[in-house]
Amino acid sequence: IKHVLATEAVMKALAKRLGQDQEVWAMAGLLHDLDYEFTKDNFEEHGNKTVEMLESEDLPDDIKDAILAHCEKKERRKLIEKAIYAADPVTGFIVAAVLIRRGSKLSDINVDFLLNRYKEKSFARGASRDQMATCTELDMTLKDFLSLSLNAMQEISEDLSL
């Protein structure tokens, strides 16, 4: 649940920076992995199952489109789709950066530390560098994207127990 809370925070911060609807973007971040427990052993269904689960809900299409785009079930055309694709792995990357420093918290991490870890291909291998690098599609440098993401997560550090 911490991953989706972190993704929600990053998406909200991205929406604010890009002049988009913060509630819609935050909701996309919160719901993007709703189907994880159902699809963890069948990743082909990931995203599709979430959209199916939300079918009866009155949600903006942008949320459903973002959910599909984050797991490459839909081409990324809209800003929200591009944003969630980049935001999804960055949260795990930042958490990993905190965890490798014993006793540290999100507040102890800075963007330079993240940039150095980003260059280490063996660090947080599950966090796709290629996905995070698509932040350029949002007209953001990697440094700006990591900084915004880190700040967003630091704001909810208590909720993340970090």
Foldseek 3Di string as FASTA:
>chain_A
DLLLQLQLLLQLLLCVVLVHDSVLLSVLSNQLQVCCVVCVVPVVCRLVVSCVVCVVPPHDVLSSQLSCLLSPNDDDDDPSNLSSVQSNLLSVLLVQLQVVDPPGFLVVDDLVSSVVLLVVCVRPVVRDNVSNCSCVVVVDHSSRSSHSSSVSCVVVRVVSVD
